[in-house]
């Protein structure tokens, strides 16, 4: 088997346990892999601010290490925040989803790696929760002023599970064709550029580091991990993963409460 030189790891449901924490075993194994020269890349729907505390625990919050954030819309160097690759949308995308949100009595906000911007007044509890989870500041902004942002990496439409279910059933077909839309949790839709995604981001970081896909291992549990699992030379799905992730994986590892990531790295990466 080709020597693995990069491991791309999803966070929620994969690297983190059910308490959204890193186990000591996971920390120790990731640090050992890094010591052996393996590049560990966290891949997540969170912005870099929402990943930083975990990168610090893993010893990865320093130049020369990278993260795939906002569901693959951005690839950044840790600590310096240098953009390695990105996939963005125009104001037209935001306006289309703003109309969709308003028509379905849903909230909306735009997320980059610094702030959450929202035209909603009052600000929804879902936007407040997202800001708290990702350690971001909310910036209220009139919808007409959103064009000043220039481009958009990630849009979120948010609301109750019931309203989201109804909205999904009535979403115009062209929206699904023009954008990458992921529903990771019942109360939110993540919208990115059609070419965004963890799979393309993984290819981009490979080019930046002069690594080939057979030298990469990917570990994930969700539907938004499928493209990453498909592209990696060795794909590992969590035992607690969704059927789509498990179906495409080369290997199934233990669940996220049984150090599945650490055990996969020990099995396939460490010398």
Foldseek 3Di string as FASTA:
>chain_A
DDAAQEEEEEQPFTQAFPVSHHDPLSLVLLLQLVVVRHAYEYEYLAALLLCVVVCVSSVQQDFPHWYQYNQQQFIAGHPVRHTLDGFWAALVLVVVVVVLLVVLVWFKWADHNAAIEGQDVPDDPVVVVSCVNRVHYYDYDHSVCVNVVVIGAKMKIFDDLVSQVVSVVVPDPVQVVQWPWDPPDSGMIITGGNPGAPLVSVVSVCVVVVHAQLNYEYEEAEPSCLSVQQRHSAYEYEPNHDPSSVVSHPYYFYTNVVPRVSVVCVVRHRD
